[in-house]
């Protein structure tokens, strides 16, 4: 993680140097500061939403367990599995 931050710092320094921007004179206007804050807030919301969804991630195994639990609560302990096999498609050019 520190290596990534170092690379970003070098890149930003080079871009600022290329455009003759001195850190002492680089000031953001109020509307620019607001835009930066809005972008950061949006990124934070996206990360939070991603983490929530990641924690809720459901697998096929989880669904089968839920169905079995529901069926046993209803007094029917058998869950029927699909009777059809998955279809496999082959590319004709690969033969």
Protein backbone atom coordinates (compact mmCIF):
# COMPACT_ATOMS: atom_id res chain seq x y z
CA UNK A 1 0.00 0.00 0.00
CA UNK A 2 2.83 2.41 0.83
CA UNK A 3 4.44 1.66 -2.54
CA UNK A 4 1.27 2.71 -4.36
CA UNK A 5 1.10 5.97 -2.41
CA UNK A 6 4.75 6.70 -3.22
CA UNK A 7 4.09 6.16 -6.94
CA UNK A 8 1.06 8.43 -6.83
CA UNK A 9 3.09 11.14 -5.06
CA UNK A 10 5.85 10.93 -7.68
CA UNK A 11 3.32 11.09 -10.52
CA UNK A 12 1.52 14.10 -9.03
CA UNK A 13 4.83 15.87 -8.37
CA UNK A 14 5.91 15.33 -12.00
CA UNK A 15 2.60 16.60 -13.39
CA UNK A 16 2.74 19.71 -11.20
CA UNK A 17 6.38 20.29 -12.14
CA UNK A 18 5.55 19.92 -15.85
CA UNK A 19 2.93 22.67 -15.58
CA UNK A 20 5.15 24.91 -13.41
CA UNK A 21 2.83 24.69 -10.42
CA UNK A 22 4.41 25.42 -7.06
CA UNK A 23 2.76 23.84 -3.99
CA UNK A 24 2.80 27.23 -2.21
CA UNK A 25 0.74 28.86 -4.96
CA UNK A 26 -1.64 25.99 -5.65
CA UNK A 27 -4.88 27.00 -3.97
CA UNK A 28 -8.31 25.65 -4.73
CA UNK A 29 -11.26 27.94 -5.16
CA UNK A 30 -14.32 27.33 -3.00
CA UNK A 31 -16.27 25.69 -5.84
CA UNK A 32 -13.30 23.42 -6.60
CA UNK A 33 -13.06 22.41 -2.94
CA UNK A 34 -16.77 21.58 -2.96
CA UNK A 35 -16.36 19.45 -6.08
CA UNK A 36 -13.46 17.56 -4.48
CA UNK A 37 -15.53 16.99 -1.31
CA UNK A 38 -18.47 15.73 -3.39
CA UNK A 39 -16.25 13.32 -5.30
CA UNK A 40 -14.75 11.95 -2.09
CA UNK A 41 -18.20 11.54 -0.51
CA UNK A 42 -19.41 9.67 -3.60
CA UNK A 43 -16.39 7.37 -3.49
CA UNK A 44 -16.98 6.72 0.23
CA UNK A 45 -20.63 5.85 -0.44
CA UNK A 46 -19.63 3.51 -3.28
CA UNK A 47 -17.10 1.74 -1.07
CA UNK A 48 -19.62 1.39 1.76
CA UNK A 49 -22.22 -0.03 -0.62
CA UNK A 50 -19.66 -2.43 -2.08
CA UNK A 51 -18.62 -3.66 1.37
CA UNK A 52 -22.26 -4.16 2.41
CA UNK A 53 -22.94 -6.20 -0.71
CA UNK A 54 -19.73 -8.16 -0.26
CA UNK A 55 -20.78 -9.16 3.24
CA UNK A 56 -24.23 -10.19 1.95
CA UNK A 57 -22.79 -12.22 -0.91
CA UNK A 58 -24.94 -15.32 -1.37
CA UNK A 59 -23.77 -18.51 -2.98
CA UNK A 60 -25.78 -21.36 -4.47
CA UNK A 61 -24.92 -23.42 -1.38
CA UNK A 62 -26.45 -20.72 0.87
CA UNK A 63 -29.68 -20.76 -1.15
CA UNK A 64 -29.96 -24.54 -0.90
CA UNK A 65 -29.45 -24.36 2.87
CA UNK A 66 -32.18 -21.70 3.15
CA UNK A 67 -34.57 -23.82 1.09
CA UNK A 68 -33.88 -26.88 3.25
CA UNK A 69 -34.46 -24.86 6.42
CA UNK A 70 -37.72 -23.41 5.06
CA UNK A 71 -38.93 -26.83 3.96
CA UNK A 72 -38.20 -28.39 7.33
CA UNK A 73 -40.07 -25.55 9.05
CA UNK A 74 -43.07 -26.30 6.83
CA UNK A 75 -42.83 -30.02 7.58
CA UNK A 76 -41.51 -30.98 4.11
CA UNK A 77 -37.90 -32.03 4.53
CA UNK A 78 -37.31 -32.88 0.87
CA UNK A 79 -36.12 -30.37 -1.66
CA UNK A 80 -36.30 -31.37 -5.27
CA UNK A 81 -33.23 -30.66 -7.29
CA UNK A 82 -33.55 -29.57 -10.90
CA UNK A 83 -34.09 -32.52 -13.22
CA UNK A 84 -32.49 -30.97 -16.28
CA UNK A 85 -28.79 -30.96 -16.91
CA UNK A 86 -27.04 -27.69 -17.68
CA UNK A 87 -26.63 -27.04 -21.37
CA UNK A 88 -23.09 -26.76 -22.69
CA UNK A 89 -22.50 -24.90 -25.91
CA UNK A 90 -19.45 -25.56 -28.02
CA UNK A 91 -17.93 -23.30 -30.60
CA UNK A 92 -18.09 -25.11 -33.97
CA UNK A 93 -14.76 -23.59 -34.99
CA UNK A 94 -12.91 -25.32 -32.11
CA UNK A 95 -13.48 -28.87 -33.50
